[in-house]
C-alpha cells in the first residue's frame, strides 16, 4: 500500500512538472502568458491606429512577438510611416517597433 502511494505521488509530481514546463517560452517560442500579453498589445496598437484619423484608413498589419511590434503594409506617404511608428511606441507593453512599412 505504501509503494502505491509513493508511486502515485511521484507520477503526480512528474505530471505537474511537465505541465508547467509545457507553458514555458524560449527565445523562439512564447509562453502562454506572453502570447496573451502580445495579443493585447497588438489589439491596443490596432485600436490606436483606428482612433488616429491619419492612420484609420491605412492598411497596416500589426504583429507582436515578446513585446516587439512589427508594422508592415503599404502606405501613401512618409508622414504616415512616421505617425504609425510614433503611435505604436506610445502603447504600454511595446518594447521595440520594427518598421517594415513601404510607400506605394
PDB file of N, CA and C in Angstrom:
ATOM      1  N   UNK A   1       0.810  -1.190   0.000  1.00  0.00           N
ATOM      2  CA  UNK A   1       0.000   0.000   0.000  1.00  0.00           C
ATOM      3  C   UNK A   1       0.859   1.262   0.000  1.00  0.00           C
ATOM      4  N   UNK A   2       1.981   1.222   0.768  1.00  0.00           N
ATOM      5  CA  UNK A   2       2.870   2.380   0.816  1.00  0.00           C
ATOM      6  C   UNK A   2       3.528   2.633  -0.531  1.00  0.00           C
ATOM      7  N   UNK A   3       3.881   1.551  -1.223  1.00  0.00           N
ATOM      8  CA  UNK A   3       4.515   1.696  -2.532  1.00  0.00           C
ATOM      9  C   UNK A   3       3.550   2.348  -3.520  1.00  0.00           C
ATOM     10  N   UNK A   4       2.297   1.992  -3.448  1.00  0.00           N
ATOM     11  CA  UNK A   4       1.293   2.561  -4.342  1.00  0.00           C
ATOM     12  C   UNK A   4       1.152   4.066  -4.111  1.00  0.00           C
ATOM     13  N   UNK A   5       1.141   4.491  -2.849  1.00  0.00           N
ATOM     14  CA  UNK A   5       1.055   5.920  -2.525  1.00  0.00           C
ATOM     15  C   UNK A   5       2.295   6.660  -3.024  1.00  0.00           C
ATOM     16  N   UNK A   6       3.464   6.036  -2.860  1.00  0.00           N
ATOM     17  CA  UNK A   6       4.708   6.656  -3.301  1.00  0.00           C
ATOM     18  C   UNK A   6       4.719   6.799  -4.819  1.00  0.00           C
ATOM     19  N   UNK A   7       4.331   5.755  -5.514  1.00  0.00           N
ATOM     20  CA  UNK A   7       4.290   5.790  -6.980  1.00  0.00           C
ATOM     21  C   UNK A   7       3.282   6.845  -7.448  1.00  0.00           C
ATOM     22  N   UNK A   8       2.148   6.917  -6.795  1.00  0.00           N
ATOM     23  CA  UNK A   8       1.134   7.913  -7.151  1.00  0.00           C
ATOM     24  C   UNK A   8       1.669   9.328  -6.968  1.00  0.00           C
ATOM     25  N   UNK A   9       2.341   9.583  -5.876  1.00  0.00           N
ATOM     26  CA  UNK A   9       2.915  10.910  -5.615  1.00  0.00           C
ATOM     27  C   UNK A   9       3.981  11.267  -6.644  1.00  0.00           C
ATOM     28  N   UNK A  10       4.832  10.301  -6.977  1.00  0.00           N
ATOM     29  CA  UNK A  10       5.889  10.551  -7.957  1.00  0.00           C
ATOM     30  C   UNK A  10       5.272  10.858  -9.321  1.00  0.00           C
ATOM     31  N   UNK A  11       4.288  10.084  -9.720  1.00  0.00           N
ATOM     32  CA  UNK A  11       3.633  10.329 -11.002  1.00  0.00           C
ATOM     33  C   UNK A  11       2.911  11.675 -11.021  1.00  0.00           C
ATOM     34  N   UNK A  12       2.253  12.009  -9.934  1.00  0.00           N
ATOM     35  CA  UNK A  12       1.573  13.299  -9.841  1.00  0.00           C
ATOM     36  C   UNK A  12       2.574  14.451  -9.937  1.00  0.00           C
ATOM     37  N   UNK A  13       3.700  14.312  -9.264  1.00  0.00           N
ATOM     38  CA  UNK A  13       4.750  15.338  -9.325  1.00  0.00           C
ATOM     39  C   UNK A  13       5.305  15.458 -10.739  1.00  0.00           C
ATOM     40  N   UNK A  14       5.496  14.342 -11.407  1.00  0.00           N
ATOM     41  CA  UNK A  14       6.001  14.341 -12.770  1.00  0.00           C
ATOM     42  C   UNK A  14       5.033  15.036 -13.717  1.00  0.00           C
ATOM     43  N   UNK A  15       3.754  14.740 -13.589  1.00  0.00           N
ATOM     44  CA  UNK A  15       2.733  15.379 -14.417  1.00  0.00           C
ATOM     45  C   UNK A  15       2.714  16.885 -14.179  1.00  0.00           C
ATOM     46  N   UNK A  16       2.825  17.296 -12.928  1.00  0.00           N
ATOM     47  CA  UNK A  16       2.835  18.713 -12.586  1.00  0.00           C
ATOM     48  C   UNK A  16       4.039  19.419 -13.198  1.00  0.00           C
ATOM     49  N   UNK A  17       5.216  18.822 -13.083  1.00  0.00           N
ATOM     50  CA  UNK A  17       6.425  19.417 -13.644  1.00  0.00           C
ATOM     51  C   UNK A  17       6.320  19.524 -15.164  1.00  0.00           C
ATOM     52  N   UNK A  18       5.843  18.490 -15.817  1.00  0.00           N
ATOM     53  CA  UNK A  18       5.719  18.512 -17.279  1.00  0.00           C
ATOM     54  C   UNK A  18       4.686  19.527 -17.744  1.00  0.00           C
ATOM     55  N   UNK A  19       3.602  19.682 -17.016  1.00  0.00           N
ATOM     56  CA  UNK A  19       2.576  20.647 -17.427  1.00  0.00           C
ATOM     57  C   UNK A  19       3.074  22.076 -17.273  1.00  0.00           C
ATOM     58  N   UNK A  20       3.845  22.349 -16.246  1.00  0.00           N
ATOM     59  CA  UNK A  20       4.412  23.692 -16.069  1.00  0.00           C
ATOM     60  C   UNK A  20       5.480  23.955 -17.127  1.00  0.00           C
ATOM     61  N   UNK A  21       6.292  22.982 -17.418  1.00  0.00           N
ATOM     62  CA  UNK A  21       7.337  23.152 -18.431  1.00  0.00           C
ATOM     63  C   UNK A  21       6.736  23.355 -19.807  1.00  0.00           C
ATOM     64  N   UNK A  22       5.574  22.794 -20.066  1.00  0.00           N
ATOM     65  CA  UNK A  22       4.907  22.949 -21.353  1.00  0.00           C
ATOM     66  C   UNK A  22       4.430  24.361 -21.605  1.00  0.00           C
ATOM     67  N   UNK A  23       4.272  25.170 -20.575  1.00  0.00           N
ATOM     68  CA  UNK A  23       3.813  26.549 -20.706  1.00  0.00           C
ATOM     69  C   UNK A  23       4.966  27.537 -20.797  1.00  0.00           C
ATOM     70  N   UNK A  24       6.192  27.062 -20.637  1.00  0.00           N
ATOM     71  CA  UNK A  24       7.346  27.955 -20.648  1.00  0.00           C
ATOM     72  C   UNK A  24       7.714  28.343 -22.066  1.00  0.00           C
ATOM     73  N   UNK A  25       8.258  29.530 -22.207  1.00  0.00           N
ATOM     74  CA  UNK A  25       8.700  30.000 -23.510  1.00  0.00           C
ATOM     75  C   UNK A  25      10.204  29.831 -23.668  1.00  0.00           C
ATOM     76  N   UNK A  26      10.683  30.147 -24.866  1.00  0.00           N
ATOM     77  CA  UNK A  26      12.114  30.133 -25.146  1.00  0.00           C
ATOM     78  C   UNK A  26      12.416  31.342 -26.019  1.00  0.00           C
ATOM     79  N   UNK A  27      13.604  31.370 -26.609  1.00  0.00           N
ATOM     80  CA  UNK A  27      13.953  32.507 -27.469  1.00  0.00           C
ATOM     81  C   UNK A  27      13.088  32.573 -28.722  1.00  0.00           C
ATOM     82  N   UNK A  28      12.631  31.439 -29.198  1.00  0.00           N
ATOM     83  CA  UNK A  28      11.871  31.411 -30.452  1.00  0.00           C
ATOM     84  C   UNK A  28      10.391  31.088 -30.264  1.00  0.00           C
ATOM     85  N   UNK A  29       9.974  30.764 -29.048  1.00  0.00           N
ATOM     86  CA  UNK A  29       8.562  30.493 -28.794  1.00  0.00           C
ATOM     87  C   UNK A  29       8.097  31.301 -27.592  1.00  0.00           C
ATOM     88  N   UNK A  30       6.809  31.610 -27.589  1.00  0.00           N
ATOM     89  CA  UNK A  30       6.223  32.370 -26.494  1.00  0.00           C
ATOM     90  C   UNK A  30       5.614  31.435 -25.472  1.00  0.00           C
ATOM     91  N   UNK A  31       5.657  31.856 -24.230  1.00  0.00           N
ATOM     92  CA  UNK A  31       4.907  31.133 -23.215  1.00  0.00           C
ATOM     93  C   UNK A  31       3.440  31.505 -23.372  1.00  0.00           C
ATOM     94  N   UNK A  32       2.579  30.811 -22.678  1.00  0.00           N
ATOM     95  CA  UNK A  32       1.149  31.098 -22.755  1.00  0.00           C
ATOM     96  C   UNK A  32       0.858  32.531 -22.323  1.00  0.00           C
ATOM     97  N   UNK A  33       1.480  32.971 -21.242  1.00  0.00           N
ATOM     98  CA  UNK A  33       1.278  34.333 -20.762  1.00  0.00           C
ATOM     99  C   UNK A  33       1.776  35.376 -21.746  1.00  0.00           C
ATOM    100  N   UNK A  34       2.942  35.126 -22.347  1.00  0.00           N
ATOM    101  CA  UNK A  34       3.485  36.054 -23.341  1.00  0.00           C
ATOM    102  C   UNK A  34       2.578  36.133 -24.561  1.00  0.00           C
ATOM    103  N   UNK A  35       2.011  35.015 -24.966  1.00  0.00           N
ATOM    104  CA  UNK A  35       1.099  35.004 -26.111  1.00  0.00           C
ATOM    105  C   UNK A  35      -0.088  35.926 -25.854  1.00  0.00           C
ATOM    106  N   UNK A  36      -0.696  35.809 -24.661  1.00  0.00           N
ATOM    107  CA  UNK A  36      -1.839  36.657 -24.342  1.00  0.00           C
ATOM    108  C   UNK A  36      -1.418  38.116 -24.204  1.00  0.00           C
ATOM    109  N   UNK A  37      -0.259  38.374 -23.597  1.00  0.00           N
ATOM    110  CA  UNK A  37       0.235  39.746 -23.488  1.00  0.00           C
ATOM    111  C   UNK A  37       0.440  40.363 -24.867  1.00  0.00           C
ATOM    112  N   UNK A  38       1.044  39.604 -25.780  1.00  0.00           N
ATOM    113  CA  UNK A  38       1.282  40.097 -27.133  1.00  0.00           C
ATOM    114  C   UNK A  38      -0.024  40.327 -27.888  1.00  0.00           C
ATOM    115  N   UNK A  39      -1.012  39.480 -27.659  1.00  0.00           N
ATOM    116  CA  UNK A  39      -2.316  39.674 -28.288  1.00  0.00           C
ATOM    117  C   UNK A  39      -2.952  40.978 -27.826  1.00  0.00           C
ATOM    118  N   UNK A  40      -2.812  41.269 -26.549  1.00  0.00           N
ATOM    119  CA  UNK A  40      -3.360  42.514 -26.002  1.00  0.00           C
ATOM    120  C   UNK A  40      -2.625  43.720 -26.588  1.00  0.00           C
ATOM    121  N   UNK A  41      -1.301  43.641 -26.681  1.00  0.00           N
ATOM    122  CA  UNK A  41      -0.522  44.740 -27.255  1.00  0.00           C
ATOM    123  C   UNK A  41      -0.931  44.975 -28.706  1.00  0.00           C
ATOM    124  N   UNK A  42      -1.066  43.910 -29.486  1.00  0.00           N
ATOM    125  CA  UNK A  42      -1.481  44.035 -30.883  1.00  0.00           C
ATOM    126  C   UNK A  42      -2.837  44.716 -30.977  1.00  0.00           C
ATOM    127  N   UNK A  43      -3.774  44.316 -30.148  1.00  0.00           N
ATOM    128  CA  UNK A  43      -5.104  44.909 -30.158  1.00  0.00           C
ATOM    129  C   UNK A  43      -5.054  46.388 -29.790  1.00  0.00           C
ATOM    130  N   UNK A  44      -4.241  46.743 -28.803  1.00  0.00           N
ATOM    131  CA  UNK A  44      -4.119  48.145 -28.400  1.00  0.00           C
ATOM    132  C   UNK A  44      -3.517  48.992 -29.511  1.00  0.00           C
ATOM    133  N   UNK A  45      -2.511  48.471 -30.206  1.00  0.00           N
ATOM    134  CA  UNK A  45      -1.901  49.213 -31.311  1.00  0.00           C
ATOM    135  C   UNK A  45      -2.912  49.411 -32.435  1.00  0.00           C
ATOM    136  N   UNK A  46      -3.631  48.360 -32.805  1.00  0.00           N
ATOM    137  CA  UNK A  46      -4.638  48.480 -33.862  1.00  0.00           C
ATOM    138  C   UNK A  46      -5.737  49.463 -33.476  1.00  0.00           C
ATOM    139  N   UNK A  47      -6.149  49.443 -32.214  1.00  0.00           N
ATOM    140  CA  UNK A  47      -7.165  50.377 -31.738  1.00  0.00           C
ATOM    141  C   UNK A  47      -6.665  51.812 -31.802  1.00  0.00           C
ATOM    142  N   UNK A  48      -5.402  52.012 -31.437  1.00  0.00           N
ATOM    143  CA  UNK A  48      -4.819  53.350 -31.514  1.00  0.00           C
ATOM    144  C   UNK A  48      -4.748  53.833 -32.962  1.00  0.00           C
ATOM    145  N   UNK A  49      -4.474  52.935 -33.882  1.00  0.00           N
ATOM    146  CA  UNK A  49      -4.460  53.306 -35.295  1.00  0.00           C
ATOM    147  C   UNK A  49      -5.861  53.711 -35.763  1.00  0.00           C
ATOM    148  N   UNK A  50      -6.872  52.985 -35.321  1.00  0.00           N
ATOM    149  CA  UNK A  50      -8.251  53.326 -35.696  1.00  0.00           C
ATOM    150  C   UNK A  50      -8.687  54.654 -35.098  1.00  0.00           C
ATOM    151  N   UNK A  51      -8.172  54.993 -33.932  1.00  0.00           N
ATOM    152  CA  UNK A  51      -8.531  56.251 -33.278  1.00  0.00           C
ATOM    153  C   UNK A  51      -7.828  57.452 -33.917  1.00  0.00           C
ATOM    154  N   UNK A  52      -6.744  57.214 -34.621  1.00  0.00           N
ATOM    155  CA  UNK A  52      -5.986  58.298 -35.263  1.00  0.00           C
ATOM    156  C   UNK A  52      -6.518  58.502 -36.679  1.00  0.00           C
ATOM    157  N   UNK A  53      -6.998  59.703 -36.968  1.00  0.00           N
ATOM    158  CA  UNK A  53      -7.628  59.965 -38.270  1.00  0.00           C
ATOM    159  C   UNK A  53      -6.649  59.793 -39.434  1.00  0.00           C
ATOM    160  N   UNK A  54      -5.355  60.004 -39.208  1.00  0.00           N
ATOM    161  CA  UNK A  54      -4.369  59.851 -40.288  1.00  0.00           C
ATOM    162  C   UNK A  54      -4.059  58.390 -40.591  1.00  0.00           C
ATOM    163  N   UNK A  55      -4.342  57.500 -39.633  1.00  0.00           N
ATOM    164  CA  UNK A  55      -3.993  56.086 -39.806  1.00  0.00           C
ATOM    165  C   UNK A  55      -5.212  55.188 -40.008  1.00  0.00           C
ATOM    166  N   UNK A  56      -6.387  55.712 -39.762  1.00  0.00           N
ATOM    167  CA  UNK A  56      -7.613  54.908 -39.767  1.00  0.00           C
ATOM    168  C   UNK A  56      -7.821  54.160 -41.083  1.00  0.00           C
ATOM    169  N   UNK A  57      -7.592  54.829 -42.195  1.00  0.00           N
ATOM    170  CA  UNK A  57      -7.889  54.205 -43.490  1.00  0.00           C
ATOM    171  C   UNK A  57      -6.703  53.437 -44.075  1.00  0.00           C
ATOM    172  N   UNK A  58      -5.582  53.427 -43.373  1.00  0.00           N
ATOM    173  CA  UNK A  58      -4.393  52.741 -43.878  1.00  0.00           C
ATOM    174  C   UNK A  58      -4.477  51.233 -43.617  1.00  0.00           C
ATOM    175  N   UNK A  59      -3.901  50.478 -44.517  1.00  0.00           N
ATOM    176  CA  UNK A  59      -3.872  49.018 -44.384  1.00  0.00           C
ATOM    177  C   UNK A  59      -2.517  48.622 -43.787  1.00  0.00           C
ATOM    178  N   UNK A  60      -2.447  48.701 -42.450  1.00  0.00           N
ATOM    179  CA  UNK A  60      -1.210  48.392 -41.742  1.00  0.00           C
ATOM    180  C   UNK A  60      -1.421  47.112 -40.936  1.00  0.00           C
ATOM    181  N   UNK A  61      -0.542  46.155 -41.144  1.00  0.00           N
ATOM    182  CA  UNK A  61      -0.597  44.903 -40.399  1.00  0.00           C
ATOM    183  C   UNK A  61       0.286  45.025 -39.160  1.00  0.00           C
ATOM    184  N   UNK A  62      -0.238  44.552 -38.035  1.00  0.00           N
ATOM    185  CA  UNK A  62       0.488  44.628 -36.765  1.00  0.00           C
ATOM    186  C   UNK A  62       0.667  43.210 -36.229  1.00  0.00           C
ATOM    187  N   UNK A  63       1.913  42.828 -35.972  1.00  0.00           N
ATOM    188  CA  UNK A  63       2.239  41.549 -35.338  1.00  0.00           C
ATOM    189  C   UNK A  63       3.134  41.835 -34.143  1.00  0.00           C
ATOM    190  N   UNK A  64       2.937  41.082 -33.065  1.00  0.00           N
ATOM    191  CA  UNK A  64       3.734  41.282 -31.856  1.00  0.00           C
ATOM    192  C   UNK A  64       4.317  39.950 -31.405  1.00  0.00           C
ATOM    193  N   UNK A  65       5.612  39.973 -31.070  1.00  0.00           N
ATOM    194  CA  UNK A  65       6.290  38.798 -30.530  1.00  0.00           C
ATOM    195  C   UNK A  65       7.192  39.246 -29.396  1.00  0.00           C
ATOM    196  N   UNK A  66       6.849  38.827 -28.180  1.00  0.00           N
ATOM    197  CA  UNK A  66       7.606  39.168 -26.976  1.00  0.00           C
ATOM    198  C   UNK A  66       7.804  40.672 -26.835  1.00  0.00           C
ATOM    199  N   UNK A  67       6.758  41.444 -27.106  1.00  0.00           N
ATOM    200  CA  UNK A  67       6.793  42.891 -26.927  1.00  0.00           C
ATOM    201  C   UNK A  67       7.353  43.662 -28.105  1.00  0.00           C
ATOM    202  N   UNK A  68       7.885  42.974 -29.105  1.00  0.00           N
ATOM    203  CA  UNK A  68       8.406  43.633 -30.308  1.00  0.00           C
ATOM    204  C   UNK A  68       7.280  43.707 -31.337  1.00  0.00           C
ATOM    205  N   UNK A  69       6.907  44.917 -31.710  1.00  0.00           N
ATOM    206  CA  UNK A  69       5.805  45.130 -32.645  1.00  0.00           C
ATOM    207  C   UNK A  69       6.365  45.283 -34.047  1.00  0.00           C
ATOM    208  N   UNK A  70       5.833  44.500 -34.982  1.00  0.00           N
ATOM    209  CA  UNK A  70       6.229  44.558 -36.388  1.00  0.00           C
ATOM    210  C   UNK A  70       5.106  45.218 -37.165  1.00  0.00           C
ATOM    211  N   UNK A  71       5.397  46.353 -37.808  1.00  0.00           N
ATOM    212  CA  UNK A  71       4.424  47.039 -38.656  1.00  0.00           C
ATOM    213  C   UNK A  71       4.774  46.750 -40.102  1.00  0.00           C
ATOM    214  N   UNK A  72       3.780  46.330 -40.885  1.00  0.00           N
ATOM    215  CA  UNK A  72       4.029  46.065 -42.298  1.00  0.00           C
ATOM    216  C   UNK A  72       2.806  46.469 -43.101  1.00  0.00           C
ATOM    217  N   UNK A  73       3.037  46.683 -44.387  1.00  0.00           N
ATOM    218  CA  UNK A  73       1.959  47.079 -45.284  1.00  0.00           C
ATOM    219  C   UNK A  73       2.415  48.205 -46.189  1.00  0.00           C
ATOM    220  N   UNK A  74       1.473  48.709 -46.976  1.00  0.00           N
ATOM    221  CA  UNK A  74       1.757  49.781 -47.928  1.00  0.00           C
ATOM    222  C   UNK A  74       0.997  51.034 -47.507  1.00  0.00           C
ATOM    223  N   UNK A  75       1.695  52.168 -47.506  1.00  0.00           N
ATOM    224  CA  UNK A  75       1.092  53.436 -47.104  1.00  0.00           C
ATOM    225  C   UNK A  75       1.350  54.484 -48.177  1.00  0.00           C
ATOM    226  N   UNK A  76       0.634  55.619 -48.045  1.00  0.00           N
ATOM    227  CA  UNK A  76       0.670  56.650 -49.086  1.00  0.00           C
ATOM    228  C   UNK A  76       1.781  57.683 -48.932  1.00  0.00           C
ATOM    229  N   UNK A  77       2.305  57.884 -47.725  1.00  0.00           N
ATOM    230  CA  UNK A  77       3.308  58.936 -47.543  1.00  0.00           C
ATOM    231  C   UNK A  77       4.271  58.597 -46.407  1.00  0.00           C
ATOM    232  N   UNK A  78       5.427  59.245 -46.435  1.00  0.00           N
ATOM    233  CA  UNK A  78       6.386  59.046 -45.342  1.00  0.00           C
ATOM    234  C   UNK A  78       5.838  59.538 -44.002  1.00  0.00           C
ATOM    235  N   UNK A  79       4.953  60.539 -44.039  1.00  0.00           N
ATOM    236  CA  UNK A  79       4.343  61.049 -42.807  1.00  0.00           C
ATOM    237  C   UNK A  79       3.521  59.970 -42.104  1.00  0.00           C
ATOM    238  N   UNK A  80       2.846  59.142 -42.883  1.00  0.00           N
ATOM    239  CA  UNK A  80       2.050  58.064 -42.310  1.00  0.00           C
ATOM    240  C   UNK A  80       2.959  57.043 -41.631  1.00  0.00           C
ATOM    241  N   UNK A  81       4.088  56.757 -42.238  1.00  0.00           N
ATOM    242  CA  UNK A  81       5.046  55.823 -41.638  1.00  0.00           C
ATOM    243  C   UNK A  81       5.524  56.361 -40.296  1.00  0.00           C
ATOM    244  N   UNK A  82       5.923  57.628 -40.286  1.00  0.00           N
ATOM    245  CA  UNK A  82       6.403  58.251 -39.054  1.00  0.00           C
ATOM    246  C   UNK A  82       5.329  58.237 -37.980  1.00  0.00           C
ATOM    247  N   UNK A  83       4.099  58.590 -38.362  1.00  0.00           N
ATOM    248  CA  UNK A  83       2.997  58.637 -37.395  1.00  0.00           C
ATOM    249  C   UNK A  83       2.685  57.247 -36.845  1.00  0.00           C
ATOM    250  N   UNK A  84       2.682  56.229 -37.699  1.00  0.00           N
ATOM    251  CA  UNK A  84       2.376  54.861 -37.253  1.00  0.00           C
ATOM    252  C   UNK A  84       3.406  54.387 -36.226  1.00  0.00           C
ATOM    253  N   UNK A  85       4.667  54.667 -36.467  1.00  0.00           N
ATOM    254  CA  UNK A  85       5.722  54.270 -35.529  1.00  0.00           C
ATOM    255  C   UNK A  85       5.556  55.026 -34.213  1.00  0.00           C
ATOM    256  N   UNK A  86       5.271  56.335 -34.303  1.00  0.00           N
ATOM    257  CA  UNK A  86       5.076  57.135 -33.089  1.00  0.00           C
ATOM    258  C   UNK A  86       3.920  56.598 -32.247  1.00  0.00           C
ATOM    259  N   UNK A  87       2.801  56.318 -32.887  1.00  0.00           N
ATOM    260  CA  UNK A  87       1.616  55.822 -32.172  1.00  0.00           C
ATOM    261  C   UNK A  87       1.909  54.472 -31.531  1.00  0.00           C
ATOM    262  N   UNK A  88       2.551  53.578 -32.264  1.00  0.00           N
ATOM    263  CA  UNK A  88       2.858  52.242 -31.731  1.00  0.00           C
ATOM    264  C   UNK A  88       3.778  52.334 -30.517  1.00  0.00           C
ATOM    265  N   UNK A  89       4.719  53.249 -30.537  1.00  0.00           N
ATOM    266  CA  UNK A  89       5.660  53.383 -29.418  1.00  0.00           C
ATOM    267  C   UNK A  89       4.991  53.870 -28.139  1.00  0.00           C
ATOM    268  N   UNK A  90       3.844  54.520 -28.257  1.00  0.00           N
ATOM    269  CA  UNK A  90       3.169  55.054 -27.062  1.00  0.00           C
ATOM    270  C   UNK A  90       2.386  53.997 -26.295  1.00  0.00           C
ATOM    271  N   UNK A  91       2.214  52.826 -26.870  1.00  0.00           N
ATOM    272  CA  UNK A  91       1.396  51.781 -26.257  1.00  0.00           C
ATOM    273  C   UNK A  91       2.192  51.070 -25.169  1.00  0.00           C
ATOM    274  N   UNK A  92       1.557  50.919 -24.001  1.00  0.00           N
ATOM    275  CA  UNK A  92       2.198  50.222 -22.887  1.00  0.00           C
ATOM    276  C   UNK A  92       2.402  48.745 -23.266  1.00  0.00           C
ATOM    277  N   UNK A  93       3.592  48.237 -23.035  1.00  0.00           N
ATOM    278  CA  UNK A  93       3.909  46.848 -23.348  1.00  0.00           C
ATOM    279  C   UNK A  93       4.742  46.701 -24.608  1.00  0.00           C
ATOM    280  N   UNK A  94       4.879  47.795 -25.384  1.00  0.00           N
ATOM    281  CA  UNK A  94       5.690  47.752 -26.601  1.00  0.00           C
ATOM    282  C   UNK A  94       7.141  48.009 -26.214  1.00  0.00           C
ATOM    283  N   UNK A  95       8.006  47.033 -26.476  1.00  0.00           N
ATOM    284  CA  UNK A  95       9.431  47.187 -26.176  1.00  0.00           C
ATOM    285  C   UNK A  95      10.153  47.880 -27.325  1.00  0.00           C
ATOM    286  N   UNK A  96       9.843  47.452 -28.545  1.00  0.00           N
ATOM    287  CA  UNK A  96      10.508  47.994 -29.734  1.00  0.00           C
ATOM    288  C   UNK A  96       9.520  47.926 -30.895  1.00  0.00           C
ATOM    289  N   UNK A  97       9.667  48.854 -31.848  1.00  0.00           N
ATOM    290  CA  UNK A  97       8.824  48.849 -33.046  1.00  0.00           C
ATOM    291  C   UNK A  97       9.724  48.598 -34.249  1.00  0.00           C
ATOM    292  N   UNK A  98       9.439  47.532 -34.970  1.00  0.00           N
ATOM    293  CA  UNK A  98      10.152  47.215 -36.211  1.00  0.00           C
ATOM    294  C   UNK A  98       9.287  47.686 -37.364  1.00  0.00           C
ATOM    295  N   UNK A  99       9.809  48.616 -38.135  1.00  0.00           N
ATOM    296  CA  UNK A  99       9.054  49.248 -39.209  1.00  0.00           C
ATOM    297  C   UNK A  99       9.371  48.605 -40.548  1.00  0.00           C
ATOM    298  N   UNK A 100       8.390  47.936 -41.128  1.00  0.00           N
ATOM    299  CA  UNK A 100       8.543  47.366 -42.471  1.00  0.00           C
ATOM    300  C   UNK A 100       7.499  47.961 -43.419  1.00  0.00           C
ATOM    301  N   UNK A 101       7.034  49.167 -43.103  1.00  0.00           N
ATOM    302  CA  UNK A 101       6.053  49.835 -43.955  1.00  0.00           C
ATOM    303  C   UNK A 101       6.724  50.320 -45.221  1.00  0.00           C
ATOM    304  N   UNK A 102       5.999  50.208 -46.349  1.00  0.00           N
ATOM    305  CA  UNK A 102       6.542  50.559 -47.657  1.00  0.00           C
ATOM    306  C   UNK A 102       5.633  51.590 -48.322  1.00  0.00           C
ATOM    307  N   UNK A 103       6.245  52.569 -48.983  1.00  0.00           N
ATOM    308  CA  UNK A 103       5.461  53.555 -49.730  1.00  0.00           C
ATOM    309  C   UNK A 103       4.888  52.935 -50.989  1.00  0.00           C
ATOM    310  N   UNK A 104       3.657  53.302 -51.324  1.00  0.00           N
ATOM    311  CA  UNK A 104       3.029  52.815 -52.559  1.00  0.00           C
ATOM    312  C   UNK A 104       3.682  53.453 -53.772  1.00  0.00           C
TER     313      UNK A 104
END
